Amino acid sequence: MRFSSLPALALATAAIAGALAAATPAQADDTPTYTCDKVLYGSVVLGEGNCTASNGATEQGAFLGEFLVTSREEPQWTFRCHIGGVVQLPEAVRGDSCEPVV
């Protein structure tokens, strides 16, 4: 009797894992994003020129949380910033603790 619940537990665990895996790409698509004419990368990421916000990104002031900065012009870079930043649309957005998206 004690072992009869193991197949049901394994099935439930697999179903939960499958649901979480299926939800991950949809969440990635909802990441707040800034698109600017150009993006410069150094100790911070700086998006400049005609910047727009999408997916609920803050439009003015300082903010916390993960977001993307992408450029329209070559090279077309995209960076994922993890801590937060400062934005003043449409002029610029600055992100801290960022890494290139490959």
PDB file of N, CA and C in Angstrom:
ATOM      1  N   MET A   1       0.814  -1.193   0.000  1.00  0.00           N
ATOM      2  CA  MET A   1       0.000   0.000   0.000  1.00  0.00           C
ATOM      3  C   MET A   1       0.859   1.258   0.000  1.00  0.00           C
ATOM      4  N   ARG A   2       1.909   1.236   0.728  1.00  0.00           N
ATOM      5  CA  ARG A   2       2.739   2.419   0.878  1.00  0.00           C
ATOM      6  C   ARG A   2       3.311   2.877  -0.460  1.00  0.00           C
ATOM      7  N   PHE A   3       3.667   1.964  -1.352  1.00  0.00           N
ATOM      8  CA  PHE A   3       4.288   2.315  -2.621  1.00  0.00           C
ATOM      9  C   PHE A   3       3.275   2.595  -3.723  1.00  0.00           C
ATOM     10  N   SER A   4       2.011   2.348  -3.498  1.00  0.00           N
ATOM     11  CA  SER A   4       1.021   2.521  -4.560  1.00  0.00           C
ATOM     12  C   SER A   4       0.825   3.987  -4.944  1.00  0.00           C
ATOM     13  N   SER A   5       1.162   4.915  -4.086  1.00  0.00           N
ATOM     14  CA  SER A   5       0.985   6.331  -4.420  1.00  0.00           C
ATOM     15  C   SER A   5       2.180   6.899  -5.188  1.00  0.00           C
ATOM     16  N   LEU A   6       3.279   6.159  -5.309  1.00  0.00           N
ATOM     17  CA  LEU A   6       4.452   6.665  -6.016  1.00  0.00           C
ATOM     18  C   LEU A   6       4.190   6.957  -7.494  1.00  0.00           C
ATOM     19  N   PRO A   7       3.497   6.084  -8.252  1.00  0.00           N
ATOM     20  CA  PRO A   7       3.225   6.438  -9.653  1.00  0.00           C
ATOM     21  C   PRO A   7       2.385   7.707  -9.784  1.00  0.00           C
ATOM     22  N   ALA A   8       1.412   7.890  -8.913  1.00  0.00           N
ATOM     23  CA  ALA A   8       0.585   9.099  -8.968  1.00  0.00           C
ATOM     24  C   ALA A   8       1.419  10.331  -8.641  1.00  0.00           C
ATOM     25  N   LEU A   9       2.311  10.219  -7.664  1.00  0.00           N
ATOM     26  CA  LEU A   9       3.184  11.328  -7.293  1.00  0.00           C
ATOM     27  C   LEU A   9       4.135  11.667  -8.440  1.00  0.00           C
ATOM     28  N   ALA A  10       4.683  10.652  -9.084  1.00  0.00           N
ATOM     29  CA  ALA A  10       5.585  10.886 -10.216  1.00  0.00           C
ATOM     30  C   ALA A  10       4.846  11.565 -11.364  1.00  0.00           C
ATOM     31  N   LEU A  11       3.617  11.142 -11.624  1.00  0.00           N
ATOM     32  CA  LEU A  11       2.820  11.745 -12.687  1.00  0.00           C
ATOM     33  C   LEU A  11       2.495  13.204 -12.370  1.00  0.00           C
ATOM     34  N   ALA A  12       2.137  13.489 -11.131  1.00  0.00           N
ATOM     35  CA  ALA A  12       1.830  14.867 -10.733  1.00  0.00           C
ATOM     36  C   ALA A  12       3.068  15.750 -10.843  1.00  0.00           C
ATOM     37  N   THR A  13       4.225  15.236 -10.427  1.00  0.00           N
ATOM     38  CA  THR A  13       5.474  15.990 -10.522  1.00  0.00           C
ATOM     39  C   THR A  13       5.811  16.289 -11.975  1.00  0.00           C
ATOM     40  N   ALA A  14       5.646  15.307 -12.848  1.00  0.00           N
ATOM     41  CA  ALA A  14       5.919  15.512 -14.275  1.00  0.00           C
ATOM     42  C   ALA A  14       4.964  16.543 -14.871  1.00  0.00           C
ATOM     43  N   ALA A  15       3.713  16.517 -14.466  1.00  0.00           N
ATOM     44  CA  ALA A  15       2.733  17.478 -14.983  1.00  0.00           C
ATOM     45  C   ALA A  15       3.079  18.897 -14.550  1.00  0.00           C
ATOM     46  N   ILE A  16       3.488  19.066 -13.295  1.00  0.00           N
ATOM     47  CA  ILE A  16       3.874  20.392 -12.802  1.00  0.00           C
ATOM     48  C   ILE A  16       5.113  20.886 -13.532  1.00  0.00           C
ATOM     49  N   ALA A  17       6.103  20.024 -13.700  1.00  0.00           N
ATOM     50  CA  ALA A  17       7.330  20.412 -14.408  1.00  0.00           C
ATOM     51  C   ALA A  17       7.017  20.812 -15.845  1.00  0.00           C
ATOM     52  N   GLY A  18       6.131  20.085 -16.496  1.00  0.00           N
ATOM     53  CA  GLY A  18       5.748  20.419 -17.866  1.00  0.00           C
ATOM     54  C   GLY A  18       5.025  21.752 -17.945  1.00  0.00           C
ATOM     55  N   ALA A  19       4.166  22.025 -16.991  1.00  0.00           N
ATOM     56  CA  ALA A  19       3.448  23.305 -16.981  1.00  0.00           C
ATOM     57  C   ALA A  19       4.402  24.464 -16.759  1.00  0.00           C
ATOM     58  N   LEU A  20       5.373  24.299 -15.869  1.00  0.00           N
ATOM     59  CA  LEU A  20       6.354  25.360 -15.629  1.00  0.00           C
ATOM     60  C   LEU A  20       7.229  25.588 -16.849  1.00  0.00           C
ATOM     61  N   ALA A  21       7.641  24.530 -17.506  1.00  0.00           N
ATOM     62  CA  ALA A  21       8.475  24.662 -18.701  1.00  0.00           C
ATOM     63  C   ALA A  21       7.708  25.366 -19.815  1.00  0.00           C
ATOM     64  N   ALA A  22       6.442  25.073 -19.947  1.00  0.00           N
ATOM     65  CA  ALA A  22       5.635  25.713 -20.982  1.00  0.00           C
ATOM     66  C   ALA A  22       5.406  27.184 -20.679  1.00  0.00           C
ATOM     67  N   ALA A  23       5.388  27.576 -19.404  1.00  0.00           N
ATOM     68  CA  ALA A  23       5.138  28.965 -19.032  1.00  0.00           C
ATOM     69  C   ALA A  23       6.368  29.844 -19.204  1.00  0.00           C
ATOM     70  N   THR A  24       7.556  29.284 -19.165  1.00  0.00           N
ATOM     71  CA  THR A  24       8.777  30.080 -19.209  1.00  0.00           C
ATOM     72  C   THR A  24       8.900  30.946 -20.452  1.00  0.00           C
ATOM     73  N   PRO A  25       8.709  30.449 -21.679  1.00  0.00           N
ATOM     74  CA  PRO A  25       8.847  31.327 -22.839  1.00  0.00           C
ATOM     75  C   PRO A  25       7.846  32.478 -22.846  1.00  0.00           C
ATOM     76  N   ALA A  26       6.636  32.259 -22.407  1.00  0.00           N
ATOM     77  CA  ALA A  26       5.647  33.326 -22.389  1.00  0.00           C
ATOM     78  C   ALA A  26       6.071  34.425 -21.428  1.00  0.00           C
ATOM     79  N   GLN A  27       6.653  34.064 -20.291  1.00  0.00           N
ATOM     80  CA  GLN A  27       7.112  35.062 -19.344  1.00  0.00           C
ATOM     81  C   GLN A  27       8.264  35.860 -19.935  1.00  0.00           C
ATOM     82  N   ALA A  28       9.157  35.215 -20.672  1.00  0.00           N
ATOM     83  CA  ALA A  28      10.292  35.907 -21.273  1.00  0.00           C
ATOM     84  C   ALA A  28       9.804  36.949 -22.272  1.00  0.00           C
ATOM     85  N   ASP A  29       8.728  36.679 -22.989  1.00  0.00           N
ATOM     86  CA  ASP A  29       8.177  37.624 -23.955  1.00  0.00           C
ATOM     87  C   ASP A  29       7.594  38.861 -23.283  1.00  0.00           C
ATOM     88  N   ASP A  30       7.257  38.765 -22.007  1.00  0.00           N
ATOM     89  CA  ASP A  30       6.639  39.871 -21.285  1.00  0.00           C
ATOM     90  C   ASP A  30       7.653  40.746 -20.557  1.00  0.00           C
ATOM     91  N   THR A  31       8.941  40.532 -20.776  1.00  0.00           N
ATOM     92  CA  THR A  31       9.967  41.318 -20.103  1.00  0.00           C
ATOM     93  C   THR A  31       9.872  42.775 -20.543  1.00  0.00           C
ATOM     94  N   PRO A  32       9.818  43.727 -19.589  1.00  0.00           N
ATOM     95  CA  PRO A  32       9.822  45.140 -19.972  1.00  0.00           C
ATOM     96  C   PRO A  32      11.022  45.431 -20.875  1.00  0.00           C
ATOM     97  N   THR A  33      10.789  46.168 -21.961  1.00  0.00           N
ATOM     98  CA  THR A  33      11.816  46.365 -22.984  1.00  0.00           C
ATOM     99  C   THR A  33      11.883  47.823 -23.417  1.00  0.00           C
ATOM    100  N   TYR A  34      13.115  48.288 -23.609  1.00  0.00           N
ATOM    101  CA  TYR A  34      13.369  49.609 -24.191  1.00  0.00           C
ATOM    102  C   TYR A  34      14.064  49.401 -25.524  1.00  0.00           C
ATOM    103  N   THR A  35      13.590  50.072 -26.558  1.00  0.00           N
ATOM    104  CA  THR A  35      14.215  50.030 -27.873  1.00  0.00           C
ATOM    105  C   THR A  35      14.669  51.444 -28.202  1.00  0.00           C
ATOM    106  N   CYS A  36      15.972  51.594 -28.474  1.00  0.00           N
ATOM    107  CA  CYS A  36      16.564  52.903 -28.756  1.00  0.00           C
ATOM    108  C   CYS A  36      17.333  52.832 -30.071  1.00  0.00           C
ATOM    109  N   ASP A  37      17.638  54.004 -30.642  1.00  0.00           N
ATOM    110  CA  ASP A  37      18.396  54.024 -31.888  1.00  0.00           C
ATOM    111  C   ASP A  37      19.741  53.327 -31.721  1.00  0.00           C
ATOM    112  N   LYS A  38      20.455  53.629 -30.628  1.00  0.00           N
ATOM    113  CA  LYS A  38      21.738  52.957 -30.393  1.00  0.00           C
ATOM    114  C   LYS A  38      21.884  52.591 -28.927  1.00  0.00           C
ATOM    115  N   VAL A  39      22.728  51.605 -28.671  1.00  0.00           N
ATOM    116  CA  VAL A  39      23.003  51.142 -27.311  1.00  0.00           C
ATOM    117  C   VAL A  39      24.511  51.100 -27.118  1.00  0.00           C
ATOM    118  N   LEU A  40      24.975  51.737 -26.055  1.00  0.00           N
ATOM    119  CA  LEU A  40      26.391  51.740 -25.693  1.00  0.00           C
ATOM    120  C   LEU A  40      26.567  50.877 -24.454  1.00  0.00           C
ATOM    121  N   TYR A  41      27.677  50.129 -24.404  1.00  0.00           N
ATOM    122  CA  TYR A  41      27.915  49.207 -23.294  1.00  0.00           C
ATOM    123  C   TYR A  41      29.265  49.493 -22.663  1.00  0.00           C
ATOM    124  N   GLY A  42      29.269  49.657 -21.365  1.00  0.00           N
ATOM    125  CA  GLY A  42      30.490  49.832 -20.586  1.00  0.00           C
ATOM    126  C   GLY A  42      30.205  49.325 -19.189  1.00  0.00           C
ATOM    127  N   SER A  43      30.476  50.146 -18.171  1.00  0.00           N
ATOM    128  CA  SER A  43      30.138  49.737 -16.809  1.00  0.00           C
ATOM    129  C   SER A  43      28.622  49.728 -16.614  1.00  0.00           C
ATOM    130  N   VAL A  44      27.908  50.457 -17.471  1.00  0.00           N
ATOM    131  CA  VAL A  44      26.442  50.434 -17.518  1.00  0.00           C
ATOM    132  C   VAL A  44      26.032  50.302 -18.984  1.00  0.00           C
ATOM    133  N   VAL A  45      24.763  50.012 -19.221  1.00  0.00           N
ATOM    134  CA  VAL A  45      24.220  50.016 -20.583  1.00  0.00           C
ATOM    135  C   VAL A  45      23.451  51.319 -20.752  1.00  0.00           C
ATOM    136  N   LEU A  46      23.717  52.010 -21.861  1.00  0.00           N
ATOM    137  CA  LEU A  46      23.050  53.271 -22.144  1.00  0.00           C
ATOM    138  C   LEU A  46      22.382  53.189 -23.513  1.00  0.00           C
ATOM    139  N   GLY A  47      21.055  53.254 -23.517  1.00  0.00           N
ATOM    140  CA  GLY A  47      20.308  53.337 -24.761  1.00  0.00           C
ATOM    141  C   GLY A  47      20.011  54.794 -25.041  1.00  0.00           C
ATOM    142  N   GLU A  48      20.275  55.242 -26.274  1.00  0.00           N
ATOM    143  CA  GLU A  48      20.107  56.659 -26.611  1.00  0.00           C
ATOM    144  C   GLU A  48      19.327  56.841 -27.901  1.00  0.00           C
ATOM    145  N   GLY A  49      18.519  57.900 -27.942  1.00  0.00           N
ATOM    146  CA  GLY A  49      17.876  58.325 -29.169  1.00  0.00           C
ATOM    147  C   GLY A  49      16.573  57.640 -29.495  1.00  0.00           C
ATOM    148  N   ASN A  50      15.489  58.392 -29.464  1.00  0.00           N
ATOM    149  CA  ASN A  50      14.186  57.901 -29.887  1.00  0.00           C
ATOM    150  C   ASN A  50      13.788  56.616 -29.160  1.00  0.00           C
ATOM    151  N   CYS A  51      14.045  56.550 -27.868  1.00  0.00           N
ATOM    152  CA  CYS A  51      13.754  55.339 -27.083  1.00  0.00           C
ATOM    153  C   CYS A  51      12.252  55.184 -26.861  1.00  0.00           C
ATOM    154  N   THR A  52      11.794  53.954 -26.941  1.00  0.00           N
ATOM    155  CA  THR A  52      10.397  53.623 -26.676  1.00  0.00           C
ATOM    156  C   THR A  52      10.345  52.509 -25.638  1.00  0.00           C
ATOM    157  N   ALA A  53       9.254  52.469 -24.890  1.00  0.00           N
ATOM    158  CA  ALA A  53       9.044  51.446 -23.865  1.00  0.00           C
ATOM    159  C   ALA A  53       7.955  50.485 -24.324  1.00  0.00           C
ATOM    160  N   SER A  54       8.122  49.205 -24.004  1.00  0.00           N
ATOM    161  CA  SER A  54       7.088  48.213 -24.306  1.00  0.00           C
ATOM    162  C   SER A  54       7.020  47.189 -23.182  1.00  0.00           C
ATOM    163  N   ASN A  55       5.983  46.392 -23.197  1.00  0.00           N
ATOM    164  CA  ASN A  55       5.754  45.338 -22.196  1.00  0.00           C
ATOM    165  C   ASN A  55       5.730  45.881 -20.771  1.00  0.00           C
ATOM    166  N   GLY A  56       5.143  47.062 -20.595  1.00  0.00           N
ATOM    167  CA  GLY A  56       4.973  47.622 -19.259  1.00  0.00           C
ATOM    168  C   GLY A  56       6.198  48.307 -18.688  1.00  0.00           C
ATOM    169  N   ALA A  57       7.185  48.617 -19.510  1.00  0.00           N
ATOM    170  CA  ALA A  57       8.399  49.282 -19.031  1.00  0.00           C
ATOM    171  C   ALA A  57       8.073  50.693 -18.539  1.00  0.00           C
ATOM    172  N   THR A  58       8.733  51.093 -17.466  1.00  0.00           N
ATOM    173  CA  THR A  58       8.597  52.436 -16.906  1.00  0.00           C
ATOM    174  C   THR A  58       8.993  53.473 -17.952  1.00  0.00           C
ATOM    175  N   GLU A  59       8.286  54.599 -18.000  1.00  0.00           N
ATOM    176  CA  GLU A  59       8.579  55.608 -19.017  1.00  0.00           C
ATOM    177  C   GLU A  59       9.388  56.792 -18.497  1.00  0.00           C
ATOM    178  N   GLN A  60       9.392  57.043 -17.198  1.00  0.00           N
ATOM    179  CA  GLN A  60      10.149  58.161 -16.628  1.00  0.00           C
ATOM    180  C   GLN A  60      10.627  57.795 -15.228  1.00  0.00           C
ATOM    181  N   GLY A  61      11.882  58.148 -14.923  1.00  0.00           N
ATOM    182  CA  GLY A  61      12.388  58.016 -13.566  1.00  0.00           C
ATOM    183  C   GLY A  61      13.147  56.731 -13.301  1.00  0.00           C
ATOM    184  N   ALA A  62      13.490  56.557 -12.029  1.00  0.00           N
ATOM    185  CA  ALA A  62      14.238  55.383 -11.580  1.00  0.00           C
ATOM    186  C   ALA A  62      13.275  54.223 -11.336  1.00  0.00           C
ATOM    187  N   PHE A  63      13.767  53.005 -11.543  1.00  0.00           N
ATOM    188  CA  PHE A  63      12.939  51.819 -11.343  1.00  0.00           C
ATOM    189  C   PHE A  63      13.825  50.636 -10.972  1.00  0.00           C
ATOM    190  N   LEU A  64      13.213  49.621 -10.393  1.00  0.00           N
ATOM    191  CA  LEU A  64      13.894  48.377 -10.030  1.00  0.00           C
ATOM    192  C   LEU A  64      13.305  47.237 -10.838  1.00  0.00           C
ATOM    193  N   GLY A  65      14.130  46.224 -11.090  1.00  0.00           N
ATOM    194  CA  GLY A  65      13.642  45.032 -11.769  1.00  0.00           C
ATOM    195  C   GLY A  65      14.383  44.757 -13.060  1.00  0.00           C
ATOM    196  N   GLU A  66      14.129  43.575 -13.592  1.00  0.00           N
ATOM    197  CA  GLU A  66      14.786  43.120 -14.818  1.00  0.00           C
ATOM    198  C   GLU A  66      14.121  43.737 -16.047  1.00  0.00           C
ATOM    199  N   PHE A  67      14.937  44.062 -17.068  1.00  0.00           N
ATOM    200  CA  PHE A  67      14.419  44.616 -18.312  1.00  0.00           C
ATOM    201  C   PHE A  67      15.430  44.404 -19.426  1.00  0.00           C
ATOM    202  N   LEU A  68      15.003  44.653 -20.662  1.00  0.00           N
ATOM    203  CA  LEU A  68      15.861  44.537 -21.841  1.00  0.00           C
ATOM    204  C   LEU A  68      16.070  45.909 -22.460  1.00  0.00           C
ATOM    205  N   VAL A  69      17.255  46.107 -23.043  1.00  0.00           N
ATOM    206  CA  VAL A  69      17.543  47.290 -23.858  1.00  0.00           C
ATOM    207  C   VAL A  69      18.045  46.773 -25.196  1.00  0.00           C
ATOM    208  N   THR A  70      17.437  47.226 -26.282  1.00  0.00           N
ATOM    209  CA  THR A  70      17.824  46.762 -27.612  1.00  0.00           C
ATOM    210  C   THR A  70      17.994  47.958 -28.549  1.00  0.00           C
ATOM    211  N   SER A  71      18.849  47.801 -29.562  1.00  0.00           N
ATOM    212  CA  SER A  71      19.126  48.909 -30.483  1.00  0.00           C
ATOM    213  C   SER A  71      18.488  48.670 -31.848  1.00  0.00           C
ATOM    214  N   ARG A  72      18.120  49.766 -32.501  1.00  0.00           N
ATOM    215  CA  ARG A  72      17.598  49.697 -33.865  1.00  0.00           C
ATOM    216  C   ARG A  72      18.740  49.686 -34.876  1.00  0.00           C
ATOM    217  N   GLU A  73      19.794  50.459 -34.595  1.00  0.00           N
ATOM    218  CA  GLU A  73      20.909  50.612 -35.527  1.00  0.00           C
ATOM    219  C   GLU A  73      21.947  49.518 -35.316  1.00  0.00           C
ATOM    220  N   GLU A  74      22.786  49.334 -36.325  1.00  0.00           N
ATOM    221  CA  GLU A  74      23.898  48.381 -36.236  1.00  0.00           C
ATOM    222  C   GLU A  74      24.971  48.925 -35.309  1.00  0.00           C
ATOM    223  N   PRO A  75      25.623  48.105 -34.519  1.00  0.00           N
ATOM    224  CA  PRO A  75      25.274  46.692 -34.320  1.00  0.00           C
ATOM    225  C   PRO A  75      23.994  46.585 -33.492  1.00  0.00           C
ATOM    226  N   GLN A  76      23.125  45.668 -33.859  1.00  0.00           N
ATOM    227  CA  GLN A  76      21.859  45.497 -33.154  1.00  0.00           C
ATOM    228  C   GLN A  76      22.085  44.658 -31.905  1.00  0.00           C
ATOM    229  N   TRP A  77      22.301  45.332 -30.810  1.00  0.00           N
ATOM    230  CA  TRP A  77      22.574  44.686 -29.526  1.00  0.00           C
ATOM    231  C   TRP A  77      21.293  44.574 -28.725  1.00  0.00           C
ATOM    232  N   THR A  78      21.256  43.558 -27.874  1.00  0.00           N
ATOM    233  CA  THR A  78      20.229  43.450 -26.844  1.00  0.00           C
ATOM    234  C   THR A  78      20.930  43.075 -25.549  1.00  0.00           C
ATOM    235  N   PHE A  79      20.595  43.788 -24.485  1.00  0.00           N
ATOM    236  CA  PHE A  79      21.162  43.526 -23.169  1.00  0.00           C
ATOM    237  C   PHE A  79      20.042  43.265 -22.184  1.00  0.00           C
ATOM    238  N   ARG A  80      20.275  42.325 -21.273  1.00  0.00           N
ATOM    239  CA  ARG A  80      19.353  42.045 -20.171  1.00  0.00           C
ATOM    240  C   ARG A  80      19.961  42.668 -18.919  1.00  0.00           C
ATOM    241  N   CYS A  81      19.220  43.590 -18.314  1.00  0.00           N
ATOM    242  CA  CYS A  81      19.673  44.271 -17.105  1.00  0.00           C
ATOM    243  C   CYS A  81      18.885  43.713 -15.925  1.00  0.00           C
ATOM    244  N   HIS A  82      19.584  43.445 -14.820  1.00  0.00           N
ATOM    245  CA  HIS A  82      18.978  42.681 -13.730  1.00  0.00           C
ATOM    246  C   HIS A  82      18.520  43.504 -12.535  1.00  0.00           C
ATOM    247  N   ILE A  83      19.125  44.641 -12.280  1.00  0.00           N
ATOM    248  CA  ILE A  83      18.841  45.365 -11.039  1.00  0.00           C
ATOM    249  C   ILE A  83      17.804  46.461 -11.235  1.00  0.00           C
ATOM    250  N   GLY A  84      17.925  47.211 -12.288  1.00  0.00           N
ATOM    251  CA  GLY A  84      17.041  48.347 -12.527  1.00  0.00           C
ATOM    252  C   GLY A  84      17.780  49.406 -13.305  1.00  0.00           C
ATOM    253  N   GLY A  85      17.227  50.610 -13.330  1.00  0.00           N
ATOM    254  CA  GLY A  85      17.868  51.677 -14.073  1.00  0.00           C
ATOM    255  C   GLY A  85      17.131  52.985 -13.937  1.00  0.00           C
ATOM    256  N   VAL A  86      17.436  53.881 -14.868  1.00  0.00           N
ATOM    257  CA  VAL A  86      16.817  55.202 -14.924  1.00  0.00           C
ATOM    258  C   VAL A  86      16.442  55.459 -16.376  1.00  0.00           C
ATOM    259  N   VAL A  87      15.251  56.012 -16.576  1.00  0.00           N
ATOM    260  CA  VAL A  87      14.787  56.263 -17.944  1.00  0.00           C
ATOM    261  C   VAL A  87      14.201  57.665 -18.056  1.00  0.00           C
ATOM    262  N   GLN A  88      14.451  58.290 -19.189  1.00  0.00           N
ATOM    263  CA  GLN A  88      13.809  59.547 -19.557  1.00  0.00           C
ATOM    264  C   GLN A  88      13.494  59.451 -21.046  1.00  0.00           C
ATOM    265  N   LEU A  89      12.277  59.001 -21.337  1.00  0.00           N
ATOM    266  CA  LEU A  89      11.877  58.821 -22.732  1.00  0.00           C
ATOM    267  C   LEU A  89      11.529  60.162 -23.365  1.00  0.00           C
ATOM    268  N   PRO A  90      11.841  60.364 -24.616  1.00  0.00           N
ATOM    269  CA  PRO A  90      12.437  59.420 -25.556  1.00  0.00           C
ATOM    270  C   PRO A  90      13.960  59.512 -25.631  1.00  0.00           C
ATOM    271  N   GLU A  91      14.576  60.308 -24.743  1.00  0.00           N
ATOM    272  CA  GLU A  91      16.009  60.560 -24.857  1.00  0.00           C
ATOM    273  C   GLU A  91      16.881  59.343 -24.566  1.00  0.00           C
ATOM    274  N   ALA A  92      16.701  58.723 -23.384  1.00  0.00           N
ATOM    275  CA  ALA A  92      17.673  57.702 -22.985  1.00  0.00           C
ATOM    276  C   ALA A  92      17.139  56.784 -21.891  1.00  0.00           C
ATOM    277  N   VAL A  93      17.825  55.640 -21.756  1.00  0.00           N
ATOM    278  CA  VAL A  93      17.616  54.709 -20.651  1.00  0.00           C
ATOM    279  C   VAL A  93      18.980  54.185 -20.229  1.00  0.00           C
ATOM    280  N   ARG A  94      19.197  54.073 -18.915  1.00  0.00           N
ATOM    281  CA  ARG A  94      20.448  53.534 -18.387  1.00  0.00           C
ATOM    282  C   ARG A  94      20.128  52.318 -17.536  1.00  0.00           C
ATOM    283  N   GLY A  95      20.873  51.236 -17.758  1.00  0.00           N
ATOM    284  CA  GLY A  95      20.666  50.011 -17.006  1.00  0.00           C
ATOM    285  C   GLY A  95      21.912  49.587 -16.267  1.00  0.00           C
ATOM    286  N   ASP A  96      21.722  49.022 -15.088  1.00  0.00           N
ATOM    287  CA  ASP A  96      22.822  48.532 -14.259  1.00  0.00           C
ATOM    288  C   ASP A  96      22.808  47.009 -14.215  1.00  0.00           C
ATOM    289  N   SER A  97      23.993  46.433 -14.026  1.00  0.00           N
ATOM    290  CA  SER A  97      24.151  44.984 -13.920  1.00  0.00           C
ATOM    291  C   SER A  97      23.546  44.282 -15.142  1.00  0.00           C
ATOM    292  N   CYS A  98      24.093  44.604 -16.315  1.00  0.00           N
ATOM    293  CA  CYS A  98      23.558  44.097 -17.583  1.00  0.00           C
ATOM    294  C   CYS A  98      24.528  43.126 -18.249  1.00  0.00           C
ATOM    295  N   GLU A  99      23.975  42.256 -19.081  1.00  0.00           N
ATOM    296  CA  GLU A  99      24.784  41.326 -19.862  1.00  0.00           C
ATOM    297  C   GLU A  99      24.177  41.181 -21.250  1.00  0.00           C
ATOM    298  N   PRO A 100      25.022  40.918 -22.256  1.00  0.00           N
ATOM    299  CA  PRO A 100      24.494  40.743 -23.612  1.00  0.00           C
ATOM    300  C   PRO A 100      23.593  39.514 -23.703  1.00  0.00           C
ATOM    301  N   VAL A 101      22.549  39.620 -24.499  1.00  0.00           N
ATOM    302  CA  VAL A 101      21.681  38.478 -24.792  1.00  0.00           C
ATOM    303  C   VAL A 101      22.207  37.858 -26.075  1.00  0.00           C
ATOM    304  N   VAL A 102      22.507  36.576 -26.013  1.00  0.00           N
ATOM    305  CA  VAL A 102      23.071  35.899 -27.185  1.00  0.00           C
ATOM    306  C   VAL A 102      22.031  35.045 -27.861  1.00  0.00           C
TER     307      VAL A 102
END
